[in-house]
Amino acid sequence: MNGCPKFERLVLKPLSGHVLEVTLNRVSKLNAFDGLMWEEVKACFEWIEREAVDCRVVLLSAAGRLFTAGVDLETFSSVAEEGDDDIARSGLRIFHTGRVWQEAFSVIARCSKVVIACTHNACIGAGLEMISACDIRFCTSDCYFVYKEADVGCKYDCCFVS
């Protein structure tokens, strides 16, 4: 696995002949996902699939005091507020951005290598979606998970048929 690409938000480190560690490394922002992080996750796992032929296992970890704070709210608010006041255009822009973000995690799910998520402390929102794309998930005893988006889906009782 010589010649690992360099990323701004990720660190790739071969641990042995067949194990590669991918570390989220945006410590100053609690590993929150911005546009560049999604681009790099996608590019990283595409590279692993295409070029890391000796790799059999990928350990997905994170630097800093927590695994990830989820979506960088500055990034999300800029996508939501960008452009004109037309609610339909705004919704469509958010939808398309979400599909780009989701593709980054779909690349992890399709990876032919075994991907093991190693989480610690908080794993929030998009982080939970990311580790759900992994084959195996380990967490430290202090780990907790938050997915506030689920509260939105529970607003209406019509979802539950008795």
N, C-alpha and C. Protein backbone atom coordinates (compact mmCIF):
# COMPACT_ATOMS: atom_id res chain seq x y z
N MET A 1 0.83 -1.19 0.00
CA MET A 1 0.00 0.00 0.00
C MET A 1 0.87 1.25 0.00
N ASN A 2 1.94 1.17 -0.71
CA ASN A 2 2.79 2.35 -0.87
C ASN A 2 2.07 3.37 -1.73
N GLY A 3 2.40 4.62 -1.51
CA GLY A 3 1.82 5.67 -2.34
C GLY A 3 0.41 6.05 -1.94
N CYS A 4 0.08 5.98 -0.65
CA CYS A 4 -1.24 6.40 -0.19
C CYS A 4 -1.42 7.88 -0.52
N PRO A 5 -2.59 8.25 -1.02
CA PRO A 5 -2.81 9.67 -1.33
C PRO A 5 -2.87 10.51 -0.05
N LYS A 6 -2.58 11.77 -0.19
CA LYS A 6 -2.64 12.72 0.92
C LYS A 6 -3.96 13.47 0.85
N PHE A 7 -4.58 13.64 1.99
CA PHE A 7 -5.83 14.36 2.10
C PHE A 7 -5.70 15.42 3.17
N GLU A 8 -6.59 16.41 3.13
CA GLU A 8 -6.59 17.47 4.13
C GLU A 8 -7.39 17.06 5.37
N ARG A 9 -8.47 16.31 5.19
CA ARG A 9 -9.37 15.94 6.29
C ARG A 9 -9.19 14.50 6.76
N LEU A 10 -8.44 13.71 6.03
CA LEU A 10 -8.23 12.29 6.35
C LEU A 10 -6.74 11.99 6.40
N VAL A 11 -6.37 11.01 7.21
CA VAL A 11 -5.00 10.51 7.24
C VAL A 11 -5.06 9.02 6.95
N LEU A 12 -4.29 8.56 5.97
CA LEU A 12 -4.20 7.14 5.63
C LEU A 12 -2.87 6.62 6.14
N LYS A 13 -2.93 5.47 6.82
CA LYS A 13 -1.72 4.92 7.40
C LYS A 13 -1.76 3.39 7.31
N PRO A 14 -0.85 2.80 6.53
CA PRO A 14 -0.78 1.33 6.51
C PRO A 14 -0.31 0.82 7.88
N LEU A 15 -1.04 -0.14 8.43
CA LEU A 15 -0.67 -0.70 9.74
C LEU A 15 0.09 -2.00 9.60
N SER A 16 -0.15 -2.71 8.53
CA SER A 16 0.58 -3.95 8.23
C SER A 16 0.43 -4.18 6.73
N GLY A 17 0.86 -5.33 6.28
CA GLY A 17 0.76 -5.60 4.86
C GLY A 17 -0.66 -5.60 4.31
N HIS A 18 -1.65 -5.81 5.18
CA HIS A 18 -3.02 -5.96 4.69
C HIS A 18 -4.04 -5.08 5.40
N VAL A 19 -3.59 -4.22 6.31
CA VAL A 19 -4.50 -3.37 7.08
C VAL A 19 -4.16 -1.90 6.84
N LEU A 20 -5.19 -1.12 6.54
CA LEU A 20 -5.02 0.31 6.32
C LEU A 20 -5.92 1.05 7.28
N GLU A 21 -5.37 2.03 7.98
CA GLU A 21 -6.18 2.86 8.86
C GLU A 21 -6.50 4.18 8.16
N VAL A 22 -7.79 4.53 8.15
CA VAL A 22 -8.26 5.81 7.64
C VAL A 22 -8.79 6.58 8.84
N THR A 23 -8.19 7.72 9.10
CA THR A 23 -8.53 8.50 10.29
C THR A 23 -9.16 9.84 9.89
N LEU A 24 -10.35 10.11 10.43
CA LEU A 24 -10.95 11.43 10.27
C LEU A 24 -10.05 12.39 11.04
N ASN A 25 -9.64 13.49 10.41
CA ASN A 25 -8.66 14.36 11.05
C ASN A 25 -9.00 15.83 10.84
N ARG A 26 -10.15 16.21 11.34
CA ARG A 26 -10.55 17.62 11.36
C ARG A 26 -10.82 17.99 12.82
N VAL A 27 -9.80 17.82 13.61
CA VAL A 27 -9.92 17.91 15.07
C VAL A 27 -10.45 19.26 15.53
N SER A 28 -10.03 20.35 14.89
CA SER A 28 -10.45 21.68 15.33
C SER A 28 -11.96 21.88 15.19
N LYS A 29 -12.61 21.11 14.33
CA LYS A 29 -14.07 21.20 14.14
C LYS A 29 -14.76 19.91 14.59
N LEU A 30 -14.12 19.17 15.50
CA LEU A 30 -14.68 17.93 16.06
C LEU A 30 -15.04 16.92 14.96
N ASN A 31 -14.23 16.90 13.91
CA ASN A 31 -14.42 15.98 12.78
C ASN A 31 -15.79 16.14 12.12
N ALA A 32 -16.32 17.35 12.16
CA ALA A 32 -17.61 17.63 11.51
C ALA A 32 -17.44 17.56 10.00
N PHE A 33 -18.46 17.05 9.32
CA PHE A 33 -18.43 16.87 7.88
C PHE A 33 -18.77 18.18 7.16
N ASP A 34 -17.82 18.62 6.35
CA ASP A 34 -18.07 19.73 5.43
C ASP A 34 -17.95 19.15 4.01
N GLY A 35 -18.12 19.98 3.01
CA GLY A 35 -18.07 19.50 1.64
C GLY A 35 -16.78 18.78 1.31
N LEU A 36 -15.65 19.32 1.78
CA LEU A 36 -14.36 18.70 1.50
C LEU A 36 -14.24 17.33 2.15
N MET A 37 -14.78 17.19 3.37
CA MET A 37 -14.71 15.89 4.05
C MET A 37 -15.46 14.84 3.24
N TRP A 38 -16.67 15.16 2.75
CA TRP A 38 -17.42 14.19 1.95
C TRP A 38 -16.66 13.85 0.67
N GLU A 39 -16.10 14.85 0.01
CA GLU A 39 -15.33 14.60 -1.21
C GLU A 39 -14.15 13.67 -0.93
N GLU A 40 -13.46 13.92 0.17
CA GLU A 40 -12.29 13.12 0.50
C GLU A 40 -12.65 11.70 0.91
N VAL A 41 -13.73 11.52 1.66
CA VAL A 41 -14.17 10.16 2.02
C VAL A 41 -14.47 9.36 0.76
N LYS A 42 -15.19 9.97 -0.16
CA LYS A 42 -15.51 9.29 -1.42
C LYS A 42 -14.24 8.96 -2.19
N ALA A 43 -13.37 9.94 -2.38
CA ALA A 43 -12.13 9.73 -3.12
C ALA A 43 -11.24 8.69 -2.45
N CYS A 44 -11.18 8.72 -1.13
CA CYS A 44 -10.36 7.78 -0.37
C CYS A 44 -10.82 6.34 -0.60
N PHE A 45 -12.11 6.09 -0.44
CA PHE A 45 -12.59 4.72 -0.58
C PHE A 45 -12.62 4.26 -2.03
N GLU A 46 -12.74 5.19 -2.97
CA GLU A 46 -12.58 4.83 -4.38
C GLU A 46 -11.13 4.42 -4.65
N TRP A 47 -10.17 5.15 -4.06
CA TRP A 47 -8.76 4.81 -4.20
C TRP A 47 -8.49 3.44 -3.59
N ILE A 48 -9.02 3.20 -2.39
CA ILE A 48 -8.82 1.91 -1.72
C ILE A 48 -9.33 0.77 -2.61
N GLU A 49 -10.50 0.95 -3.17
CA GLU A 49 -11.08 -0.09 -4.02
C GLU A 49 -10.25 -0.31 -5.28
N ARG A 50 -9.77 0.76 -5.85
CA ARG A 50 -9.08 0.69 -7.14
C ARG A 50 -7.59 0.36 -7.01
N GLU A 51 -6.91 0.96 -6.02
CA GLU A 51 -5.45 0.90 -5.98
C GLU A 51 -4.85 0.07 -4.85
N ALA A 52 -5.53 -0.05 -3.73
CA ALA A 52 -4.95 -0.73 -2.56
C ALA A 52 -5.22 -2.23 -2.66
N VAL A 53 -4.58 -2.86 -3.64
CA VAL A 53 -4.86 -4.27 -3.93
C VAL A 53 -4.43 -5.21 -2.80
N ASP A 54 -3.41 -4.84 -2.04
CA ASP A 54 -2.95 -5.68 -0.92
C ASP A 54 -3.81 -5.51 0.33
N CYS A 55 -4.60 -4.48 0.36
CA CYS A 55 -5.43 -4.20 1.54
C CYS A 55 -6.58 -5.19 1.64
N ARG A 56 -6.76 -5.73 2.83
CA ARG A 56 -7.90 -6.62 3.09
C ARG A 56 -8.87 -6.02 4.10
N VAL A 57 -8.34 -5.15 4.97
CA VAL A 57 -9.14 -4.57 6.05
C VAL A 57 -8.85 -3.08 6.16
N VAL A 58 -9.90 -2.29 6.33
CA VAL A 58 -9.77 -0.86 6.57
C VAL A 58 -10.32 -0.56 7.95
N LEU A 59 -9.50 0.08 8.78
CA LEU A 59 -9.97 0.55 10.09
C LEU A 59 -10.32 2.02 9.93
N LEU A 60 -11.56 2.37 10.21
CA LEU A 60 -12.02 3.75 10.11
C LEU A 60 -12.10 4.32 11.52
N SER A 61 -11.23 5.27 11.82
CA SER A 61 -11.15 5.85 13.16
C SER A 61 -11.20 7.36 13.06
N ALA A 62 -11.02 8.04 14.18
CA ALA A 62 -11.04 9.50 14.20
C ALA A 62 -10.06 10.02 15.23
N ALA A 63 -9.40 11.11 14.89
CA ALA A 63 -8.50 11.79 15.82
C ALA A 63 -9.33 12.74 16.69
N GLY A 64 -8.78 13.12 17.81
CA GLY A 64 -9.45 14.12 18.66
C GLY A 64 -10.34 13.51 19.72
N ARG A 65 -11.05 14.41 20.40
CA ARG A 65 -11.80 13.97 21.58
C ARG A 65 -13.11 13.26 21.28
N LEU A 66 -13.63 13.38 20.05
CA LEU A 66 -14.81 12.60 19.70
C LEU A 66 -14.73 12.12 18.26
N PHE A 67 -15.50 11.11 17.96
CA PHE A 67 -15.46 10.52 16.62
C PHE A 67 -15.89 11.53 15.58
N THR A 68 -17.11 12.05 15.70
CA THR A 68 -17.56 13.13 14.82
C THR A 68 -18.76 13.85 15.40
N ALA A 69 -18.82 15.14 15.15
CA ALA A 69 -19.96 15.95 15.55
C ALA A 69 -21.04 15.95 14.48
N GLY A 70 -20.86 15.18 13.42
CA GLY A 70 -21.87 15.10 12.36
C GLY A 70 -21.65 16.17 11.30
N VAL A 71 -22.73 16.69 10.77
CA VAL A 71 -22.65 17.71 9.71
C VAL A 71 -22.16 19.03 10.30
N ASP A 72 -21.24 19.65 9.61
CA ASP A 72 -20.80 20.99 9.97
C ASP A 72 -21.97 21.92 9.68
N LEU A 73 -22.54 22.52 10.70
CA LEU A 73 -23.75 23.33 10.53
C LEU A 73 -23.53 24.53 9.62
N GLU A 74 -22.32 25.06 9.57
CA GLU A 74 -22.03 26.15 8.64
C GLU A 74 -22.20 25.67 7.20
N THR A 75 -21.75 24.46 6.93
CA THR A 75 -21.88 23.89 5.58
C THR A 75 -23.34 23.69 5.22
N PHE A 76 -24.11 23.10 6.14
CA PHE A 76 -25.52 22.84 5.86
C PHE A 76 -26.30 24.14 5.68
N SER A 77 -26.05 25.11 6.54
CA SER A 77 -26.80 26.36 6.43
C SER A 77 -26.46 27.10 5.14
N SER A 78 -25.21 26.99 4.68
CA SER A 78 -24.86 27.65 3.42
C SER A 78 -25.55 26.98 2.24
N VAL A 79 -25.74 25.67 2.28
CA VAL A 79 -26.45 24.96 1.21
C VAL A 79 -27.93 25.34 1.25
N ALA A 80 -28.51 25.39 2.44
CA ALA A 80 -29.93 25.69 2.59
C ALA A 80 -30.26 27.13 2.20
N GLU A 81 -29.35 28.07 2.46
CA GLU A 81 -29.63 29.48 2.22
C GLU A 81 -29.14 29.99 0.87
N GLU A 82 -28.37 29.19 0.17
CA GLU A 82 -27.77 29.60 -1.11
C GLU A 82 -28.84 29.91 -2.15
N GLY A 83 -28.61 30.97 -2.93
CA GLY A 83 -29.49 31.24 -4.07
C GLY A 83 -30.70 32.08 -3.73
N ASP A 84 -31.76 31.87 -4.53
CA ASP A 84 -32.96 32.70 -4.40
C ASP A 84 -33.90 32.20 -3.31
N ASP A 85 -35.04 32.87 -3.19
CA ASP A 85 -36.00 32.56 -2.14
C ASP A 85 -37.02 31.50 -2.55
N ASP A 86 -36.91 30.96 -3.72
CA ASP A 86 -37.85 29.94 -4.21
C ASP A 86 -37.67 28.66 -3.40
N ILE A 87 -38.68 28.28 -2.63
CA ILE A 87 -38.60 27.13 -1.75
C ILE A 87 -38.37 25.83 -2.52
N ALA A 88 -38.95 25.73 -3.70
CA ALA A 88 -38.76 24.52 -4.51
C ALA A 88 -37.31 24.39 -4.97
N ARG A 89 -36.73 25.48 -5.42
CA ARG A 89 -35.33 25.44 -5.86
C ARG A 89 -34.41 25.15 -4.67
N SER A 90 -34.71 25.73 -3.54
CA SER A 90 -33.93 25.48 -2.34
C SER A 90 -34.02 24.00 -1.94
N GLY A 91 -35.21 23.45 -1.96
CA GLY A 91 -35.41 22.04 -1.64
C GLY A 91 -34.68 21.12 -2.59
N LEU A 92 -34.72 21.45 -3.87
CA LEU A 92 -34.04 20.66 -4.89
C LEU A 92 -32.52 20.71 -4.69
N ARG A 93 -32.00 21.88 -4.36
CA ARG A 93 -30.56 22.04 -4.11
C ARG A 93 -30.15 21.20 -2.90
N ILE A 94 -30.94 21.23 -1.84
CA ILE A 94 -30.64 20.42 -0.65
C ILE A 94 -30.70 18.94 -1.00
N PHE A 95 -31.70 18.55 -1.79
CA PHE A 95 -31.83 17.15 -2.21
C PHE A 95 -30.59 16.69 -2.98
N HIS A 96 -30.16 17.48 -3.95
CA HIS A 96 -28.99 17.10 -4.75
C HIS A 96 -27.71 17.07 -3.92
N THR A 97 -27.56 18.00 -3.01
CA THR A 97 -26.40 18.01 -2.12
C THR A 97 -26.41 16.77 -1.24
N GLY A 98 -27.57 16.42 -0.72
CA GLY A 98 -27.71 15.22 0.10
C GLY A 98 -27.34 13.96 -0.66
N ARG A 99 -27.68 13.90 -1.93
CA ARG A 99 -27.31 12.73 -2.75
C ARG A 99 -25.80 12.65 -2.92
N VAL A 100 -25.13 13.77 -3.08
CA VAL A 100 -23.67 13.78 -3.18
C VAL A 100 -23.07 13.30 -1.86
N TRP A 101 -23.60 13.80 -0.75
CA TRP A 101 -23.11 13.37 0.56
C TRP A 101 -23.34 11.88 0.76
N GLN A 102 -24.53 11.40 0.40
CA GLN A 102 -24.85 9.98 0.57
C GLN A 102 -23.93 9.09 -0.26
N GLU A 103 -23.55 9.54 -1.44
CA GLU A 103 -22.68 8.75 -2.30
C GLU A 103 -21.34 8.47 -1.62
N ALA A 104 -20.85 9.41 -0.82
CA ALA A 104 -19.60 9.20 -0.10
C ALA A 104 -19.71 7.98 0.82
N PHE A 105 -20.86 7.81 1.45
CA PHE A 105 -21.05 6.67 2.34
C PHE A 105 -21.38 5.41 1.56
N SER A 106 -22.03 5.55 0.43
CA SER A 106 -22.33 4.39 -0.41
C SER A 106 -21.05 3.75 -0.94
N VAL A 107 -20.03 4.56 -1.20
CA VAL A 107 -18.74 4.03 -1.64
C VAL A 107 -18.15 3.15 -0.54
N ILE A 108 -18.32 3.54 0.71
CA ILE A 108 -17.86 2.71 1.84
C ILE A 108 -18.63 1.39 1.84
N ALA A 109 -19.94 1.46 1.70
CA ALA A 109 -20.77 0.25 1.72
C ALA A 109 -20.42 -0.72 0.60
N ARG A 110 -20.04 -0.19 -0.55
CA ARG A 110 -19.69 -1.04 -1.70
C ARG A 110 -18.25 -1.54 -1.68
N CYS A 111 -17.45 -1.04 -0.77
CA CYS A 111 -16.03 -1.40 -0.72
C CYS A 111 -15.86 -2.91 -0.55
N SER A 112 -15.01 -3.51 -1.36
CA SER A 112 -14.81 -4.96 -1.28
C SER A 112 -13.91 -5.37 -0.12
N LYS A 113 -13.25 -4.41 0.52
CA LYS A 113 -12.45 -4.69 1.71
C LYS A 113 -13.37 -4.67 2.92
N VAL A 114 -12.99 -5.36 3.98
CA VAL A 114 -13.75 -5.30 5.23
C VAL A 114 -13.47 -3.94 5.87
N VAL A 115 -14.52 -3.17 6.14
CA VAL A 115 -14.36 -1.85 6.74
C VAL A 115 -14.89 -1.92 8.17
N ILE A 116 -14.00 -1.63 9.12
CA ILE A 116 -14.33 -1.69 10.55
C ILE A 116 -14.31 -0.27 11.11
N ALA A 117 -15.46 0.18 11.60
CA ALA A 117 -15.55 1.49 12.25
C ALA A 117 -15.12 1.36 13.70
N CYS A 118 -14.23 2.22 14.13
CA CYS A 118 -13.74 2.23 15.51
C CYS A 118 -14.11 3.59 16.11
N THR A 119 -15.22 3.65 16.82
CA THR A 119 -15.74 4.93 17.31
C THR A 119 -15.41 5.15 18.78
N HIS A 120 -15.32 6.41 19.13
CA HIS A 120 -15.10 6.79 20.53
C HIS A 120 -15.89 8.06 20.82
N ASN A 121 -16.26 8.22 22.08
CA ASN A 121 -17.01 9.37 22.55
C ASN A 121 -18.25 9.57 21.69
N ALA A 122 -18.47 10.73 21.11
CA ALA A 122 -19.72 11.01 20.39
C ALA A 122 -19.61 10.62 18.92
N CYS A 123 -20.69 10.03 18.43
CA CYS A 123 -20.86 9.75 17.00
C CYS A 123 -22.24 10.28 16.65
N ILE A 124 -22.27 11.43 15.99
CA ILE A 124 -23.50 12.18 15.82
C ILE A 124 -23.90 12.24 14.34
N GLY A 125 -25.20 12.12 14.07
CA GLY A 125 -25.79 12.37 12.76
C GLY A 125 -25.11 11.67 11.60
N ALA A 126 -24.41 12.43 10.77
CA ALA A 126 -23.75 11.89 9.58
C ALA A 126 -22.74 10.81 9.96
N GLY A 127 -22.14 10.92 11.13
CA GLY A 127 -21.21 9.89 11.59
C GLY A 127 -21.90 8.56 11.76
N LEU A 128 -23.13 8.59 12.27
CA LEU A 128 -23.90 7.37 12.43
C LEU A 128 -24.25 6.77 11.07
N GLU A 129 -24.55 7.63 10.10
CA GLU A 129 -24.80 7.15 8.75
C GLU A 129 -23.53 6.53 8.17
N MET A 130 -22.38 7.15 8.43
CA MET A 130 -21.12 6.65 7.90
C MET A 130 -20.79 5.28 8.48
N ILE A 131 -20.89 5.11 9.79
CA ILE A 131 -20.53 3.83 10.38
C ILE A 131 -21.55 2.74 10.02
N SER A 132 -22.77 3.15 9.69
CA SER A 132 -23.77 2.18 9.24
C SER A 132 -23.37 1.57 7.90
N ALA A 133 -22.57 2.28 7.11
CA ALA A 133 -22.08 1.77 5.83
C ALA A 133 -20.93 0.79 6.01
N CYS A 134 -20.36 0.73 7.21
CA CYS A 134 -19.23 -0.16 7.48
C CYS A 134 -19.71 -1.59 7.74
N ASP A 135 -18.80 -2.54 7.62
CA ASP A 135 -19.14 -3.95 7.82
C ASP A 135 -19.24 -4.31 9.30
N ILE A 136 -18.36 -3.73 10.11
CA ILE A 136 -18.29 -4.02 11.54
C ILE A 136 -18.12 -2.70 12.27
N ARG A 137 -18.74 -2.59 13.46
CA ARG A 137 -18.64 -1.38 14.25
C ARG A 137 -18.20 -1.74 15.67
N PHE A 138 -17.11 -1.11 16.11
CA PHE A 138 -16.65 -1.22 17.49
C PHE A 138 -16.75 0.15 18.12
N CYS A 139 -16.99 0.19 19.42
CA CYS A 139 -16.99 1.48 20.10
C CYS A 139 -16.42 1.34 21.50
N THR A 140 -15.85 2.42 21.99
CA THR A 140 -15.32 2.45 23.34
C THR A 140 -16.48 2.51 24.33
N SER A 141 -16.20 2.26 25.58
CA SER A 141 -17.27 2.23 26.59
C SER A 141 -17.89 3.61 26.82
N ASP A 142 -17.20 4.69 26.44
CA ASP A 142 -17.76 6.04 26.61
C ASP A 142 -18.50 6.53 25.38
N CYS A 143 -18.67 5.69 24.39
CA CYS A 143 -19.27 6.10 23.12
C CYS A 143 -20.79 6.26 23.25
N TYR A 144 -21.32 7.28 22.60
CA TYR A 144 -22.77 7.45 22.52
C TYR A 144 -23.13 7.95 21.12
N PHE A 145 -24.38 7.72 20.76
CA PHE A 145 -24.85 8.01 19.41
C PHE A 145 -26.05 8.94 19.47
N VAL A 146 -26.07 9.93 18.57
CA VAL A 146 -27.17 10.89 18.51
C VAL A 146 -27.60 11.01 17.05
N TYR A 147 -28.90 10.90 16.82
CA TYR A 147 -29.44 11.06 15.47
C TYR A 147 -30.72 11.89 15.58
N LYS A 148 -30.56 13.20 15.68
CA LYS A 148 -31.70 14.11 15.89
C LYS A 148 -32.69 14.08 14.74
N GLU A 149 -32.23 13.69 13.54
CA GLU A 149 -33.12 13.63 12.39
C GLU A 149 -34.30 12.67 12.64
N ALA A 150 -34.09 11.68 13.49
CA ALA A 150 -35.15 10.72 13.80
C ALA A 150 -36.33 11.39 14.50
N ASP A 151 -36.07 12.45 15.26
CA ASP A 151 -37.14 13.17 15.94
C ASP A 151 -38.11 13.81 14.93
N VAL A 152 -37.59 14.24 13.80
CA VAL A 152 -38.42 14.87 12.78
C VAL A 152 -39.40 13.84 12.21
N GLY A 153 -38.94 12.62 11.98
CA GLY A 153 -39.77 11.57 11.41
C GLY A 153 -40.87 11.10 12.35
N CYS A 154 -40.74 11.37 13.63
CA CYS A 154 -41.73 10.91 14.62
C CYS A 154 -42.80 11.96 14.91
N LYS A 155 -42.84 13.01 14.14
CA LYS A 155 -43.75 14.10 14.41
C LYS A 155 -45.21 13.71 14.23
N TYR A 156 -45.49 12.84 13.28
CA TYR A 156 -46.87 12.50 12.95
C TYR A 156 -47.20 11.06 13.30
N ASP A 157 -48.35 10.85 13.92
CA ASP A 157 -48.79 9.51 14.30
C ASP A 157 -49.24 8.69 13.10
N CYS A 158 -49.45 9.32 11.96
CA CYS A 158 -49.95 8.60 10.79
C CYS A 158 -48.96 7.55 10.29
N CYS A 159 -47.73 7.60 10.75
CA CYS A 159 -46.73 6.62 10.31
C CYS A 159 -46.99 5.27 10.95
N PHE A 160 -47.74 5.24 12.01
CA PHE A 160 -47.96 4.01 12.75
C PHE A 160 -49.40 3.55 12.57
N VAL A 161 -49.55 2.40 11.97
CA VAL A 161 -50.90 1.84 11.75
C VAL A 161 -51.14 0.75 12.76
N SER A 162 -52.27 0.82 13.44
CA SER A 162 -52.55 -0.22 14.44
C SER A 162 -53.49 -1.26 13.90
